[in-house]
Amino acid sequence: MRTNAMRTVGIAGVLGALAVGAMASSVAAASGEEPCRIDTDAAVIRQAPSTSAARMGIGYRDQKCRFHGYTRDVVWAHITMKGSGVDGWVDRHLISTAKEELARTS
């Protein structure tokens, strides 16, 4: 009986580790922070990089934020709003970063 309980815990632990590993592999490691700004009328800031994730707040055009990094597929950007401190994820097309503003366009 004791052996079965240990197996169950072991399997649950393995499944939990796999779930955490899958979530971590979809998010790129932050390589530092840089200034950013909201580049659309309103950007929904989500708790996780998914359209089904809970809404944490809304950022409005020209509000300043800190950019922390992208998901591995470069679809979502991790940001923190400067004024409110709201931390979350937005579609990468809805922000501009300092690097993008300094890049040559010609």
Protein backbone atom coordinates (compact mmCIF):
# COMPACT_ATOMS: atom_id res chain seq x y z
CA MET A 1 0.00 0.00 0.00
CA ARG A 2 2.78 2.38 0.90
CA THR A 3 4.55 1.67 -2.40
CA ASN A 4 1.43 2.60 -4.40
CA ALA A 5 1.14 5.92 -2.55
CA MET A 6 4.76 6.68 -3.33
CA ARG A 7 4.22 5.86 -7.00
CA THR A 8 1.20 8.16 -7.15
CA VAL A 9 3.14 11.05 -5.64
CA GLY A 10 6.04 10.30 -7.98
CA ILE A 11 3.81 10.36 -11.04
CA ALA A 12 2.08 13.54 -9.87
CA GLY A 13 5.47 15.15 -9.34
CA VAL A 14 6.65 14.17 -12.79
CA LEU A 15 3.43 15.46 -14.40
CA GLY A 16 3.73 18.72 -12.46
CA ALA A 17 7.34 19.16 -13.55
CA LEU A 18 6.37 18.52 -17.16
CA ALA A 19 3.60 21.13 -16.98
CA VAL A 20 5.93 23.72 -15.48
CA GLY A 21 8.62 22.89 -18.03
CA ALA A 22 6.17 23.32 -20.91
CA MET A 23 5.09 26.73 -19.61
CA ALA A 24 8.69 27.85 -19.07
CA SER A 25 9.77 26.75 -22.53
CA SER A 26 7.22 29.06 -24.14
CA VAL A 27 8.65 32.14 -22.43
CA ALA A 28 12.04 33.50 -23.41
CA ALA A 29 14.44 34.54 -20.70
CA ALA A 30 14.57 38.28 -20.14
CA SER A 31 17.87 39.70 -21.31
CA GLY A 32 17.43 42.97 -19.46
CA GLU A 33 15.02 45.85 -19.45
CA GLU A 34 14.55 48.79 -21.74
CA PRO A 35 12.06 51.63 -22.06
CA CYS A 36 8.95 51.12 -24.15
CA ARG A 37 5.67 52.88 -24.85
CA ILE A 38 2.19 51.84 -25.84
CA ASP A 39 1.81 52.36 -29.57
CA THR A 40 -1.97 51.91 -29.97
CA ASP A 41 -5.14 53.50 -28.60
CA ALA A 42 -5.57 50.78 -25.94
CA ALA A 43 -3.53 47.63 -25.21
CA VAL A 44 -4.90 44.93 -22.91
CA ILE A 45 -2.22 43.77 -20.47
CA ARG A 46 -2.72 40.09 -19.65
CA GLN A 47 -1.53 37.92 -16.76
CA ALA A 48 0.06 35.37 -19.13
CA PRO A 49 0.99 35.38 -22.84
CA SER A 50 -2.43 34.25 -24.08
CA THR A 51 -5.64 35.93 -25.28
CA SER A 52 -7.53 33.78 -22.78
CA ALA A 53 -5.41 34.94 -19.80
CA ALA A 54 -6.90 37.27 -17.20
CA ARG A 55 -6.76 41.00 -17.88
CA MET A 56 -4.41 42.84 -15.54
CA GLY A 57 -4.99 46.32 -16.94
CA ILE A 58 -5.00 48.52 -20.03
CA GLY A 59 -2.23 50.70 -21.39
CA TYR A 60 -3.11 53.72 -23.51
CA ARG A 61 -1.28 55.40 -26.40
CA ASP A 62 2.06 56.99 -25.46
CA GLN A 63 2.05 55.68 -21.87
CA LYS A 64 5.52 54.59 -20.81
CA CYS A 65 6.47 51.08 -19.79
CA ARG A 66 9.49 48.83 -19.18
CA PHE A 67 10.08 46.02 -21.68
CA HIS A 68 11.42 42.76 -20.18
CA GLY A 69 11.46 40.36 -23.14
CA TYR A 70 9.42 38.40 -25.67
CA THR A 71 8.00 34.92 -25.71
CA ARG A 72 10.14 32.51 -27.74
CA ASP A 73 7.80 32.86 -30.73
CA VAL A 74 8.06 36.68 -30.42
CA VAL A 75 4.27 37.10 -30.32
CA TRP A 76 3.95 38.49 -26.79
CA ALA A 77 5.98 41.15 -24.97
CA HIS A 78 6.42 41.17 -21.18
CA ILE A 79 6.05 44.73 -19.85
CA THR A 80 5.55 46.72 -16.65
CA MET A 81 3.62 49.98 -16.85
CA LYS A 82 5.61 52.90 -15.40
CA GLY A 83 2.82 54.80 -13.62
CA SER A 84 0.67 51.98 -12.28
CA GLY A 85 3.23 49.19 -11.94
CA VAL A 86 0.89 46.75 -13.73
CA ASP A 87 3.01 43.83 -14.92
CA GLY A 88 1.93 41.49 -17.71
CA TRP A 89 1.91 40.56 -21.37
CA VAL A 90 0.76 42.44 -24.49
CA ASP A 91 0.77 41.66 -28.19
CA ARG A 92 4.25 42.71 -29.39
CA HIS A 93 2.77 44.87 -32.16
CA LEU A 94 1.15 47.16 -29.57
CA ILE A 95 4.40 48.57 -28.14
CA SER A 96 7.51 50.34 -29.37
CA THR A 97 10.84 49.81 -27.66
CA ALA A 98 13.84 52.13 -27.48
CA LYS A 99 15.79 49.86 -29.85
CA GLU A 100 13.05 50.11 -32.47
CA GLU A 101 12.96 53.90 -32.20
CA LEU A 102 16.74 54.12 -32.66
CA ALA A 103 16.87 51.71 -35.60
CA ARG A 104 17.42 53.16 -39.07
CA THR A 105 14.39 53.00 -41.32
CA SER A 106 16.14 53.62 -44.65
